[in-house]
Amino acid sequence: MSTISATNPTTPRTQSSSQSITSAVNQTLGKDDFLKLLTTEMRNQDPLQPMDNKDTIAQLAQFSSLEQMNNLATSVGDLKTSLTSFMQQSLLTQGSALIGKQVSGRDTDGVTVISGIVDSVQWLNGNPQLSLLQTDGSLKTLEMNQITDVSK
């Protein structure tokens, strides 16, 4: 594969400028750009010195690898989304099993003890929150990970 130089030929090339160019190219070039470069290279090759078959096969193998990595990245992203949703539903289900039970736990400060009967469960700020009915009729919230005692 031909090397594309993005530096000024009159300026000496340093390792740091080469690394920054490589980093920029890796961040901006995708599979469509790769195919465009490959077809442009094939279109503009010297007819008296055509590209070697080994080079063409190596470039096609690189393209195939790039395509597979993109597909894998998409699949991993989809899996992450599904697992996150599953975890949220699981935690809400666990919280709903506590409805009607006496629960105690420490508030976010770690000192104040909150106690009450679980009235409802809701998903807020990335965590399941229990709404506790206090003996005086007021409602307090407690995150599930702050529970220290469950009874009844």
Protein backbone atom coordinates (compact mmCIF):
# COMPACT_ATOMS: atom_id res chain seq x y z
CA MET A 1 0.00 0.00 0.00
CA SER A 2 1.33 3.43 -0.83
CA THR A 3 2.21 5.80 1.97
CA ILE A 4 0.54 9.18 1.96
CA SER A 5 2.62 11.95 3.47
CA ALA A 6 0.84 15.00 4.80
CA THR A 7 3.96 16.93 5.75
CA ASN A 8 5.75 19.59 3.76
CA PRO A 9 8.61 17.90 1.84
CA THR A 10 10.97 20.78 2.62
CA THR A 11 10.39 20.49 6.36
CA PRO A 12 12.18 17.68 8.19
CA ARG A 13 9.71 15.13 9.47
CA THR A 14 9.76 14.55 13.21
CA GLN A 15 8.40 11.53 15.03
CA SER A 16 5.83 13.58 16.96
CA SER A 17 4.39 15.16 13.79
CA SER A 18 4.24 11.73 12.19
CA GLN A 19 2.41 10.34 15.22
CA SER A 20 -0.08 13.20 15.28
CA ILE A 21 -0.82 12.73 11.56
CA THR A 22 -1.28 8.99 12.06
CA SER A 23 -3.56 9.67 15.01
CA ALA A 24 -5.63 12.14 12.98
CA VAL A 25 -5.93 9.72 10.06
CA ASN A 26 -6.99 6.86 12.34
CA GLN A 27 -9.69 9.03 13.89
CA THR A 28 -11.17 10.32 10.64
CA LEU A 29 -10.84 7.56 8.04
CA GLY A 30 -13.55 4.94 7.83
CA LYS A 31 -14.33 2.03 5.56
CA ASP A 32 -15.74 4.27 2.81
CA ASP A 33 -12.57 6.35 2.82
CA PHE A 34 -10.47 3.19 2.71
CA LEU A 35 -12.35 1.97 -0.38
CA LYS A 36 -11.98 5.36 -2.07
CA LEU A 37 -8.24 5.35 -1.44
CA LEU A 38 -7.93 1.80 -2.76
CA THR A 39 -9.87 2.49 -5.96
CA THR A 40 -8.01 5.77 -6.54
CA GLU A 41 -4.70 3.99 -6.07
CA MET A 42 -5.70 1.26 -8.52
CA ARG A 43 -7.01 3.79 -11.04
CA ASN A 44 -3.83 5.87 -10.92
CA GLN A 45 -1.25 3.12 -10.83
CA ASP A 46 1.55 2.99 -13.40
CA PRO A 47 0.51 0.56 -16.19
CA LEU A 48 4.15 -0.47 -16.66
CA GLN A 49 4.46 -1.31 -12.96
CA PRO A 50 1.01 -2.47 -11.83
CA MET A 51 0.24 -3.21 -8.23
CA ASP A 52 1.37 -6.65 -7.15
CA ASN A 53 -1.41 -9.19 -6.50
CA LYS A 54 -0.04 -9.70 -3.00
CA ASP A 55 -0.48 -5.99 -2.26
CA THR A 56 -4.06 -6.05 -3.54
CA ILE A 57 -4.91 -9.10 -1.46
CA ALA A 58 -3.29 -7.53 1.60
CA GLN A 59 -5.35 -4.35 1.14
CA LEU A 60 -8.56 -6.32 0.68
CA ALA A 61 -7.74 -8.31 3.83
CA GLN A 62 -7.23 -5.03 5.71
CA PHE A 63 -10.57 -3.77 4.43
CA SER A 64 -12.26 -7.01 5.52
CA SER A 65 -10.70 -6.68 8.97
CA LEU A 66 -11.87 -3.08 9.23
CA GLU A 67 -15.39 -4.09 8.27
CA GLN A 68 -15.41 -6.89 10.85
CA MET A 69 -14.12 -4.56 13.58
CA ASN A 70 -16.85 -2.03 12.77
CA ASN A 71 -19.49 -4.78 12.91
CA LEU A 72 -18.07 -6.03 16.21
CA ALA A 73 -18.08 -2.52 17.70
CA THR A 74 -21.72 -2.09 16.68
CA SER A 75 -22.65 -5.46 18.18
CA VAL A 76 -20.87 -4.68 21.45
CA GLY A 77 -22.69 -1.34 21.63
CA ASP A 78 -26.03 -3.08 21.10
CA LEU A 79 -25.16 -5.68 23.74
CA LYS A 80 -24.25 -2.95 26.23
CA THR A 81 -27.58 -1.21 25.64
CA SER A 82 -29.49 -4.48 26.12
CA LEU A 83 -27.60 -5.41 29.28
CA THR A 84 -28.12 -1.94 30.75
CA SER A 85 -31.84 -2.18 30.09
CA PHE A 86 -31.95 -5.69 31.56
CA MET A 87 -30.10 -4.53 34.68
CA GLN A 88 -32.51 -1.61 35.17
CA GLN A 89 -35.53 -3.86 34.83
CA SER A 90 -33.99 -6.39 37.22
CA LEU A 91 -33.34 -3.74 39.87
CA LEU A 92 -36.86 -2.36 39.52
CA THR A 93 -38.27 -5.86 39.90
CA GLN A 94 -36.17 -6.41 43.03
CA GLY A 95 -37.38 -3.07 44.37
CA SER A 96 -41.01 -3.89 43.65
CA ALA A 97 -40.64 -7.05 45.77
CA LEU A 98 -39.97 -4.70 48.72
CA ILE A 99 -43.29 -2.84 48.40
CA GLY A 100 -45.19 -3.14 51.70
CA LYS A 101 -42.10 -4.20 53.66
CA GLN A 102 -40.36 -2.31 56.47
CA VAL A 103 -36.98 -1.05 55.23
CA SER A 104 -34.16 0.79 56.99
CA GLY A 105 -31.05 2.35 55.59
CA ARG A 106 -28.61 5.20 55.85
CA ASP A 107 -29.13 8.43 53.92
CA THR A 108 -26.55 9.71 51.43
CA ASP A 109 -24.62 11.34 54.28
CA GLY A 110 -24.11 7.86 55.78
CA VAL A 111 -25.22 9.01 59.24
CA THR A 112 -28.98 9.60 59.18
CA VAL A 113 -31.05 6.44 59.46
CA ILE A 114 -34.20 6.39 57.35
CA SER A 115 -36.88 3.84 58.10
CA GLY A 116 -40.35 3.24 56.72
CA ILE A 117 -42.65 1.03 54.68
CA VAL A 118 -41.85 0.89 50.96
CA ASP A 119 -44.67 2.63 49.12
CA SER A 120 -43.26 2.69 45.57
CA VAL A 121 -40.14 2.20 43.48
CA GLN A 122 -38.98 4.46 40.67
CA TRP A 123 -35.91 4.92 38.51
CA LEU A 124 -34.27 8.30 39.18
CA ASN A 125 -30.77 9.57 38.43
CA GLY A 126 -29.57 6.16 37.25
CA ASN A 127 -30.61 4.30 40.41
CA PRO A 128 -33.79 2.69 41.74
CA GLN A 129 -35.27 4.87 44.48
CA LEU A 130 -37.59 3.54 47.15
CA SER A 131 -40.28 5.85 48.44
CA LEU A 132 -40.66 5.14 52.18
CA LEU A 133 -43.84 5.99 54.09
CA GLN A 134 -42.76 7.28 57.51
CA THR A 135 -44.77 6.79 60.72
CA ASP A 136 -45.70 10.51 60.64
CA GLY A 137 -47.20 10.11 57.13
CA SER A 138 -44.35 11.83 55.26
CA LEU A 139 -42.46 10.24 52.38
CA LYS A 140 -38.67 9.85 52.26
CA THR A 141 -36.60 8.40 49.43
CA LEU A 142 -33.85 5.85 49.81
CA GLU A 143 -31.66 4.31 47.12
CA MET A 144 -31.68 0.53 47.02
CA ASN A 145 -27.93 0.35 47.56
CA GLN A 146 -28.39 2.20 50.89
CA ILE A 147 -30.68 -0.44 52.43
CA THR A 148 -29.29 -1.99 55.61
CA ASP A 149 -32.36 -3.89 56.90
CA VAL A 150 -35.56 -5.39 55.50
CA SER A 151 -38.29 -6.85 57.72
CA LYS A 152 -41.89 -8.13 57.65
